[in-house]
Amino acid sequence: MKNKLTLFLLFATLTVSNAQVLNTIKYSTANSGLPNDQVMGLDITSNDVLWISTFGNGLVSFDGTNWVKYDATTPNFPGDYVKDVIVDKNNNVFAIGGFMVSKFNNNSWSDISTNNGIPKAFTKDANGNIWLGDNDLQKYNGTSWDTPVTIPSNVKYEPIKMVGDTNNNIWITNGSGPSVTKYNPSLSTWVIYDTSNVSLFKQQSTISTIKTTHDNKIVAQGSWNTLYFDGTKWGKLDSLAGLVLMELNDVAIRNNVSWLGMGNGFGLASYNGLSWKKYSTNPSNLLLSGMRFDSKGNLWIGAGDGLYKINSTNLAINNINELTEVALLYPNPSKGVMNLKLLAGNPGNAVANIFSANGSIAYTLELNSGDNTLDLTHLSEGVYILNMITSRGSYFQKIILH
C-alpha cells in the first residue's frame, strides 16, 4: 500500500506543469507571535522548539503552539539585536549580541561572556560543542570556556562567520580580505586559503558566509561568487551545480540531502551528492536567512518577510531525481516503442520499471549501457511512470502512450 501511495504522489507531482514549486505555510506578525517579520536566523532543539532571532526585537521561541519573547528587558540577555542563536547537543540555547554571550538552560538566561572582546562568530562542531570567535577562538565544554586556542602570528584571524565540518574542523571567514582559515582542534594545526594560494579568491573582495554540505563540501559566499571546496580545490558553485546559486545564507541537512538557502531572490536548492535542483517557493523570491529541519522532516525557513514552513511530504515529492539527469527517453509521447539512452557509462545491474496509474508494474527491462529499446505496444493508451534504478540512484519520468 505504501508503494502505491508513493507512486500516486509521483503521478501527482510529475503530471503538473511546475513540479518544482514548494508550497509554504507563512508565519508573520499578522498571524503569530513573531515580534518582527524580518527573521535574521534560527536554530531548533531536538524536541522541535524553534529559536528565532528577529531584527531589533530580540529572540523568540516557538514550540508549535506557544511563542515566548526575550529582549532587552530579559535579565542576562544580549538585548534587542541578537547576532546569532545556536542550540547545542544538550538543547542549551546560546545567543550573542553586542558585547554579550548568553546561555539558556530551559529555565533562565545566564551571562557567559568571555570578556575577550566583541563576540563576532559562533558555530558548533560535529559533536555539538559550541565555538566562539572574538579576540580568541574558544570552545564551550558544557559548563565553561576552555583555554583560548593559541593563534599563530601568520594566521589570518578576524572572524566574520564560522562553521564546523563533519571532521570537527572549524572553518573561519575573515574580515582581512578574501580568506578562509581552517583549524583542526585534534592536531592544533591551521590551513590558510587566500589570494596567495587560491587564484579564485583574487576575484573576491570578501568571503562572508561559510557552511558545509552533508558530504563535507565547504560552500562559502564571496563578494562576486558562491564558492565550494571539495577537499582538494576551490571552485565556483554555479559551475559545479549548473545553476545560478548566489547569496548563500544557510544550509540545512536531512537524509543525506543538503538544502541551500540563498538570499536576494535566488531561492532554495537541494544537493544529494550527485545532482543539484533549484526550487521556487510560494510566494517566490524569499530573502532566506536561516533554515532548519524538525524531527518530522518539515523545513523551517527564516526570511526577510517572516517564518515559513515547508511540509515534509512536499519536500520529498519535489526532491525526485529526474531521468533527464542521466538518460534520454524518446519519443515521448509515443505509440509504444521508445528508446532509452543512458548518458553515463556502464550502469551496473540497472533496470527500468514502468508503472501504471494504480501502482502496479506493467513492464520491466534490464538495461545495458548506451541504447535500450522499450516495447510498450501491449500497454493501453495513457500516462505511466518510468522508474530507472541504477547504482547511482533512482530516477523517474512521466511517459505518455497514445
Protein backbone atom coordinates (compact mmCIF):
# COMPACT_ATOMS: atom_id res chain seq x y z
CA MET A 1 0.00 0.00 0.00
CA LYS A 2 2.88 2.34 0.85
CA ASN A 3 4.48 1.85 -2.58
CA LYS A 4 1.19 2.57 -4.33
CA LEU A 5 0.72 5.74 -2.28
CA THR A 6 4.24 6.84 -3.19
CA LEU A 7 3.55 6.22 -6.87
CA PHE A 8 0.29 8.13 -6.64
CA LEU A 9 2.20 11.10 -5.20
CA LEU A 10 4.74 10.74 -8.00
CA PHE A 11 1.94 10.87 -10.56
CA ALA A 12 0.50 13.93 -8.86
CA THR A 13 3.87 15.63 -8.99
CA LEU A 14 5.12 14.62 -12.42
CA THR A 15 1.88 15.35 -14.21
CA VAL A 16 1.71 19.03 -13.26
CA SER A 17 3.48 21.69 -15.26
CA ASN A 18 5.54 23.14 -12.38
CA ALA A 19 6.60 20.32 -10.08
CA GLN A 20 9.41 22.38 -8.57
CA VAL A 21 7.19 24.85 -6.70
CA LEU A 22 7.22 24.33 -2.93
CA ASN A 23 4.03 25.39 -1.16
CA THR A 24 4.63 27.02 2.19
CA ILE A 25 2.87 28.00 5.39
CA LYS A 26 3.78 31.52 6.43
CA TYR A 27 4.03 32.96 9.95
CA SER A 28 4.23 36.73 10.39
CA THR A 29 3.29 39.43 12.88
CA ALA A 30 -0.22 39.25 11.41
CA ASN A 31 -0.91 35.65 12.44
CA SER A 32 1.70 34.63 15.04
CA GLY A 33 3.83 35.71 17.98
CA LEU A 34 6.67 36.93 15.79
CA PRO A 35 7.60 40.42 17.04
CA ASN A 36 9.15 41.36 13.69
CA ASP A 37 8.76 39.91 10.20
CA GLN A 38 12.46 40.26 9.41
CA VAL A 39 13.95 36.96 10.61
CA MET A 40 17.73 37.10 10.95
CA GLY A 41 18.49 33.48 11.89
CA LEU A 42 17.18 30.38 13.63
CA ASP A 43 18.02 27.03 15.20
CA ILE A 44 15.97 24.17 16.61
CA THR A 45 16.13 21.81 19.59
CA SER A 46 15.81 18.02 19.41
CA ASN A 47 12.22 18.32 20.69
CA ASP A 48 11.29 20.76 17.88
CA VAL A 49 11.37 24.08 19.69
CA LEU A 50 12.36 26.79 17.22
CA TRP A 51 14.55 29.69 18.34
CA ILE A 52 14.24 32.68 16.02
CA SER A 53 16.21 35.93 16.06
CA THR A 54 14.49 38.97 14.57
CA PHE A 55 15.77 42.38 13.56
CA GLY A 56 15.67 44.73 16.55
CA ASN A 57 13.17 42.68 18.54
CA GLY A 58 15.30 40.10 20.26
CA LEU A 59 14.68 36.36 20.19
CA VAL A 60 11.51 34.24 20.24
CA SER A 61 10.93 30.55 20.87
CA PHE A 62 8.09 28.63 19.21
CA ASP A 63 7.09 25.09 20.25
CA GLY A 64 4.37 24.73 17.64
CA THR A 65 1.77 26.42 19.84
CA ASN A 66 3.33 28.97 22.16
CA TRP A 67 5.55 31.96 21.37
CA VAL A 68 7.90 33.33 24.04
CA LYS A 69 9.88 36.54 23.53
CA TYR A 70 13.26 37.52 25.02
CA ASP A 71 14.68 41.03 24.58
CA ALA A 72 16.46 43.88 26.34
CA THR A 73 14.04 43.59 29.28
CA THR A 74 15.09 39.96 29.91
CA PRO A 75 17.74 39.51 32.66
CA ASN A 76 21.18 38.35 31.42
CA PHE A 77 20.11 38.56 27.78
CA PRO A 78 22.15 40.27 24.98
CA GLY A 79 19.40 42.74 24.12
CA ASP A 80 17.18 43.57 21.18
CA TYR A 81 19.78 42.87 18.48
CA VAL A 82 20.77 39.20 18.52
CA LYS A 83 23.57 38.46 16.07
CA ASP A 84 23.30 34.68 16.21
CA VAL A 85 21.47 31.87 18.02
CA ILE A 86 22.72 28.27 18.34
CA VAL A 87 21.40 25.16 20.12
CA ASP A 88 23.99 22.71 21.48
CA LYS A 89 23.83 18.91 21.86
CA ASN A 90 22.11 19.24 25.27
CA ASN A 91 19.44 21.64 23.96
CA ASN A 92 21.02 24.61 25.70
CA VAL A 93 20.43 27.78 23.70
CA PHE A 94 23.21 30.31 23.12
CA ALA A 95 22.65 33.86 21.91
CA ILE A 96 25.23 36.51 21.06
CA GLY A 97 24.73 40.21 20.55
CA GLY A 98 26.66 43.36 21.30
CA PHE A 99 29.37 42.52 23.86
CA MET A 100 27.45 39.66 25.41
CA VAL A 101 27.09 35.86 25.15
CA SER A 102 24.13 34.31 26.97
CA LYS A 103 23.06 30.73 27.66
CA PHE A 104 19.52 29.48 28.24
CA ASN A 105 19.15 26.21 30.20
CA ASN A 106 15.41 25.71 29.57
CA ASN A 107 14.63 27.90 32.56
CA SER A 108 16.60 31.15 32.59
CA TRP A 109 19.42 33.02 30.88
CA SER A 110 22.94 33.40 32.27
CA ASP A 111 25.72 35.69 31.09
CA ILE A 112 28.69 33.60 29.93
CA SER A 113 30.59 36.37 28.15
CA THR A 114 34.34 35.72 27.80
CA ASN A 115 35.50 39.35 28.22
CA ASN A 116 37.81 38.80 25.25
CA GLY A 117 36.38 41.49 23.02
CA ILE A 118 33.28 41.71 20.89
CA PRO A 119 31.84 38.26 20.03
CA LYS A 120 31.89 38.08 16.26
CA ALA A 121 31.15 34.50 15.15
CA PHE A 122 29.52 31.39 16.56
CA THR A 123 29.25 27.76 15.45
CA LYS A 124 29.00 24.20 16.73
CA ASP A 125 31.17 21.25 15.75
CA ALA A 126 30.13 17.73 14.74
CA ASN A 127 29.87 16.74 18.41
CA GLY A 128 27.56 19.63 19.23
CA ASN A 129 30.16 21.69 21.12
CA ILE A 130 29.92 25.47 20.84
CA TRP A 131 32.80 27.54 19.42
CA LEU A 132 33.10 31.30 19.73
CA GLY A 133 35.26 33.68 17.75
CA ASP A 134 36.10 37.03 19.32
CA ASN A 135 39.66 38.18 20.01
CA ASP A 136 40.35 34.49 20.63
CA LEU A 137 38.94 31.16 19.48
CA GLN A 138 37.32 29.19 22.29
CA LYS A 139 35.21 26.07 22.84
CA TYR A 140 32.47 25.80 25.44
CA ASN A 141 32.75 22.43 27.24
CA GLY A 142 29.20 22.44 28.60
CA THR A 143 29.88 24.39 31.77
CA SER A 144 32.68 26.85 30.93
CA TRP A 145 35.02 28.04 28.21
CA ASP A 146 38.19 26.05 27.55
CA THR A 147 41.55 27.80 27.42
CA PRO A 148 41.65 30.01 24.31
CA VAL A 149 43.29 28.48 21.26
CA THR A 150 46.72 29.88 20.52
CA ILE A 151 46.55 31.63 17.17
CA PRO A 152 49.91 31.70 15.32
CA SER A 153 51.12 35.10 14.14
CA ASN A 154 50.94 34.05 10.47
CA VAL A 155 47.28 33.03 10.69
CA LYS A 156 44.63 35.42 9.40
CA TYR A 157 42.07 35.62 12.17
CA GLU A 158 39.43 38.34 12.03
CA PRO A 159 36.32 36.15 12.21
CA ILE A 160 33.16 37.04 10.30
CA LYS A 161 31.49 33.62 10.22
CA MET A 162 32.47 30.10 11.32
CA VAL A 163 31.29 26.55 10.66
CA GLY A 164 32.28 23.12 11.91
CA ASP A 165 32.61 20.29 9.40
CA THR A 166 31.97 16.55 9.90
CA ASN A 167 35.64 16.02 10.80
CA ASN A 168 35.38 18.59 13.61
CA ASN A 169 37.50 21.15 11.78
CA ILE A 170 36.49 24.78 12.34
CA TRP A 171 36.36 26.95 9.20
CA ILE A 172 36.56 30.72 9.58
CA THR A 173 35.97 33.56 7.14
CA ASN A 174 37.94 36.69 7.90
CA GLY A 175 37.49 40.42 7.66
CA SER A 176 41.07 40.86 6.44
CA GLY A 177 40.31 40.42 2.75
CA PRO A 178 39.22 37.28 0.90
CA SER A 179 40.48 34.40 3.02
CA VAL A 180 39.27 31.23 4.71
CA THR A 181 41.11 29.64 7.63
CA LYS A 182 40.72 26.01 8.76
CA TYR A 183 41.58 24.96 12.32
CA ASN A 184 41.99 21.28 13.26
CA PRO A 185 41.46 21.04 17.06
CA SER A 186 42.79 17.48 17.40
CA LEU A 187 46.10 18.36 15.70
CA SER A 188 46.19 22.07 16.63
CA THR A 189 47.02 22.88 13.00
CA TRP A 190 45.96 25.75 10.76
CA VAL A 191 45.50 25.95 7.00
CA ILE A 192 45.09 29.31 5.27
CA TYR A 193 43.36 29.81 1.91
CA ASP A 194 43.78 33.29 0.46
CA THR A 195 44.90 35.11 -2.67
CA SER A 196 48.39 33.64 -2.34
CA ASN A 197 47.26 30.06 -2.97
CA VAL A 198 43.71 30.29 -4.42
CA SER A 199 43.52 32.24 -7.67
CA LEU A 200 39.71 32.38 -7.48
CA PHE A 201 39.94 34.42 -4.27
CA LYS A 202 41.58 37.25 -6.22
CA GLN A 203 38.16 37.90 -7.81
CA GLN A 204 36.54 38.44 -4.39
CA SER A 205 36.87 41.42 -2.08
CA THR A 206 35.48 39.45 0.88
CA ILE A 207 34.28 35.97 1.77
CA SER A 208 31.50 36.08 4.32
CA THR A 209 29.08 33.19 4.97
CA ILE A 210 30.55 29.68 5.16
CA LYS A 211 28.65 26.37 5.52
CA THR A 212 29.13 22.62 4.99
CA THR A 213 27.11 20.08 2.99
CA HIS A 214 26.19 16.58 4.10
CA ASP A 215 29.20 15.14 2.21
CA ASN A 216 31.57 17.66 3.80
CA LYS A 217 31.94 20.06 0.90
CA ILE A 218 32.58 23.61 2.05
CA VAL A 219 30.37 26.30 0.49
CA ALA A 220 31.15 29.96 1.03
CA GLN A 221 29.78 33.26 -0.20
CA GLY A 222 32.26 35.59 -1.85
CA SER A 223 31.56 39.14 -2.94
CA TRP A 224 31.05 38.01 -6.55
CA ASN A 225 30.58 34.23 -6.47
CA THR A 226 29.35 31.44 -4.25
CA LEU A 227 32.35 29.13 -3.84
CA TYR A 228 32.90 25.50 -2.89
CA PHE A 229 35.82 23.43 -1.64
CA ASP A 230 35.80 19.69 -2.37
CA GLY A 231 38.71 18.81 -0.10
CA THR A 232 41.32 19.49 -2.77
CA LYS A 233 40.43 22.60 -4.73
CA TRP A 234 38.18 25.66 -4.69
CA GLY A 235 35.71 26.38 -7.47
CA LYS A 236 32.57 28.31 -8.32
CA LEU A 237 29.41 26.66 -7.05
CA ASP A 238 27.50 27.74 -10.18
CA SER A 239 29.91 25.71 -12.31
CA LEU A 240 29.65 22.67 -10.06
CA ALA A 241 25.86 22.74 -9.80
CA GLY A 242 24.99 24.02 -13.27
CA LEU A 243 22.64 26.50 -11.58
CA VAL A 244 22.76 30.16 -10.59
CA LEU A 245 23.29 29.94 -6.83
CA MET A 246 24.19 33.26 -5.24
CA GLU A 247 23.93 34.96 -1.86
CA LEU A 248 24.35 31.83 0.27
CA ASN A 249 22.83 32.26 3.73
CA ASP A 250 22.36 28.83 5.28
CA VAL A 251 22.43 25.06 4.72
CA ALA A 252 20.08 22.51 6.30
CA ILE A 253 20.78 18.76 6.09
CA ARG A 254 18.46 15.77 6.28
CA ASN A 255 18.68 12.18 4.96
CA ASN A 256 21.95 12.81 3.09
CA VAL A 257 20.48 15.75 1.20
CA SER A 258 21.73 19.32 1.66
CA TRP A 259 19.32 22.21 1.23
CA LEU A 260 20.87 25.60 0.46
CA GLY A 261 19.05 28.81 1.29
CA MET A 262 20.04 31.76 -0.85
CA GLY A 263 19.28 35.47 -0.48
CA ASN A 264 18.14 38.29 -2.76
CA GLY A 265 15.64 36.14 -4.65
CA PHE A 266 17.95 33.29 -5.64
CA GLY A 267 15.74 30.89 -3.68
CA LEU A 268 16.27 27.34 -2.48
CA ALA A 269 18.39 24.49 -3.87
CA SER A 270 18.96 20.84 -2.93
CA TYR A 271 22.03 18.65 -3.41
CA ASN A 272 22.07 14.86 -2.91
CA GLY A 273 25.77 14.26 -3.54
CA LEU A 274 25.32 13.73 -7.29
CA SER A 275 22.85 16.25 -8.64
CA TRP A 276 21.53 19.71 -7.85
CA LYS A 277 17.99 21.07 -8.09
CA LYS A 278 16.57 24.54 -7.68
CA TYR A 279 13.13 25.31 -6.28
CA SER A 280 10.60 28.08 -6.32
CA THR A 281 8.64 28.83 -3.18
CA ASN A 282 5.17 30.19 -2.70
CA PRO A 283 5.46 33.13 -2.58
CA SER A 284 8.68 33.14 -4.57
CA ASN A 285 11.94 35.06 -4.18
CA LEU A 286 12.15 34.93 -0.40
CA LEU A 287 15.13 36.56 1.27
CA LEU A 288 16.20 33.35 3.02
CA SER A 289 18.16 33.95 6.23
CA GLY A 290 18.14 30.63 8.08
CA MET A 291 16.87 27.05 7.71
CA ARG A 292 16.40 24.01 9.96
CA PHE A 293 14.57 20.67 9.72
CA ASP A 294 12.40 19.46 12.57
CA SER A 295 12.19 15.80 13.64
CA LYS A 296 9.26 15.18 11.28
CA GLY A 297 11.19 16.36 8.23
CA ASN A 298 9.45 19.72 7.86
CA LEU A 299 11.74 22.53 6.72
CA TRP A 300 11.53 25.84 8.58
CA ILE A 301 12.89 28.89 6.76
CA GLY A 302 13.57 32.32 8.14
CA ALA A 303 13.14 35.08 5.59
CA GLY A 304 13.02 38.82 5.19
CA ASP A 305 9.24 38.80 5.48
CA GLY A 306 8.50 36.12 8.07
CA LEU A 307 8.89 32.47 9.02
CA TYR A 308 7.98 29.72 6.53
CA LYS A 309 7.25 26.01 6.92
CA ILE A 310 7.52 23.54 4.05
CA ASN A 311 5.77 20.22 4.73
CA SER A 312 7.99 17.12 4.66
CA THR A 313 5.76 15.38 2.09
CA ASN A 314 6.00 18.36 -0.21
CA LEU A 315 9.80 18.28 0.06
CA ALA A 316 10.02 14.54 -0.56
CA ILE A 317 7.93 14.76 -3.72
CA ASN A 318 9.84 17.69 -5.09
CA ASN A 319 13.20 16.06 -4.46
CA ILE A 320 12.63 13.41 -7.14
CA ASN A 321 15.67 12.56 -9.23
CA GLU A 322 14.59 13.23 -12.80
CA LEU A 323 15.53 10.75 -15.52
CA THR A 324 16.83 13.57 -17.72
CA GLU A 325 19.79 13.92 -15.35
CA VAL A 326 21.27 10.58 -16.50
CA ALA A 327 19.36 9.37 -19.59
CA LEU A 328 17.35 10.35 -22.66
CA LEU A 329 13.92 8.83 -23.36
CA TYR A 330 12.39 9.36 -26.80
CA PRO A 331 10.00 9.68 -28.49
CA ASN A 332 7.73 10.80 -25.68
CA PRO A 333 4.73 10.81 -26.20
CA SER A 334 4.95 7.53 -28.11
CA LYS A 335 2.80 4.89 -29.78
CA GLY A 336 4.63 2.25 -27.76
CA VAL A 337 8.24 1.84 -28.92
CA MET A 338 10.70 4.11 -27.12
CA ASN A 339 14.47 4.43 -26.90
CA LEU A 340 16.15 4.82 -23.51
CA LYS A 341 19.73 6.06 -23.88
CA LEU A 342 21.94 6.11 -20.81
CA LEU A 343 24.26 9.10 -20.79
CA ALA A 344 26.76 7.67 -18.28
CA GLY A 345 28.97 4.57 -18.64
CA ASN A 346 28.10 1.03 -17.56
CA PRO A 347 25.18 1.45 -15.12
CA GLY A 348 25.73 -1.92 -13.43
CA ASN A 349 22.58 -4.01 -12.79
CA ALA A 350 20.31 -1.19 -13.95
CA VAL A 351 16.64 -1.84 -14.54
CA ALA A 352 13.71 0.15 -15.91
CA ASN A 353 10.25 -0.40 -14.43
CA ILE A 354 7.09 1.03 -15.99
CA PHE A 355 4.28 1.66 -13.50
CA SER A 356 0.62 2.16 -14.33
CA ALA A 357 -1.58 4.67 -12.52
CA ASN A 358 -2.70 2.09 -9.94
CA GLY A 359 0.90 1.45 -8.86
CA SER A 360 1.42 -1.94 -10.47
CA ILE A 361 4.44 -2.80 -12.61
CA ALA A 362 3.37 -3.00 -16.24
CA TYR A 363 6.79 -3.60 -17.83
CA THR A 364 10.37 -4.34 -16.74
CA LEU A 365 13.62 -4.29 -18.71
CA GLU A 366 17.21 -4.91 -17.63
CA LEU A 367 19.35 -2.14 -19.10
CA ASN A 368 22.67 -2.07 -20.92
CA SER A 369 24.96 0.93 -21.32
CA GLY A 370 24.04 3.09 -24.30
CA ASP A 371 20.76 2.50 -26.15
CA ASN A 372 17.88 0.34 -24.91
CA THR A 373 14.52 -0.28 -26.63
CA LEU A 374 11.31 -0.24 -24.60
CA ASP A 375 8.49 -2.10 -26.35
CA LEU A 376 5.29 -0.91 -24.69
CA THR A 377 2.93 -1.67 -27.58
CA HIS A 378 0.99 -4.11 -25.41
CA LEU A 379 0.00 -1.34 -22.98
CA SER A 380 -3.13 0.76 -23.21
CA GLU A 381 -3.03 4.45 -24.04
CA GLY A 382 -2.49 6.66 -21.03
CA VAL A 383 0.04 8.10 -18.60
CA TYR A 384 2.70 5.92 -16.97
CA ILE A 385 5.78 6.44 -14.78
CA LEU A 386 9.20 5.10 -15.75
CA ASN A 387 11.45 4.37 -12.77
CA MET A 388 15.07 3.64 -13.68
CA ILE A 389 17.10 2.15 -10.83
CA THR A 390 20.90 2.19 -11.10
CA SER A 391 23.87 2.00 -8.75
CA ARG A 392 23.86 5.83 -8.79
CA GLY A 393 20.26 6.25 -7.69
CA SER A 394 16.60 6.02 -8.62
CA TYR A 395 15.22 8.23 -11.42
CA PHE A 396 11.72 8.99 -12.67
CA GLN A 397 9.98 10.33 -15.76
CA LYS A 398 6.39 10.59 -16.87
CA ILE A 399 5.65 8.87 -20.20
CA ILE A 400 2.58 9.11 -22.39
CA LEU A 401 1.29 6.41 -24.73
CA HIS A 402 -1.21 7.43 -27.41
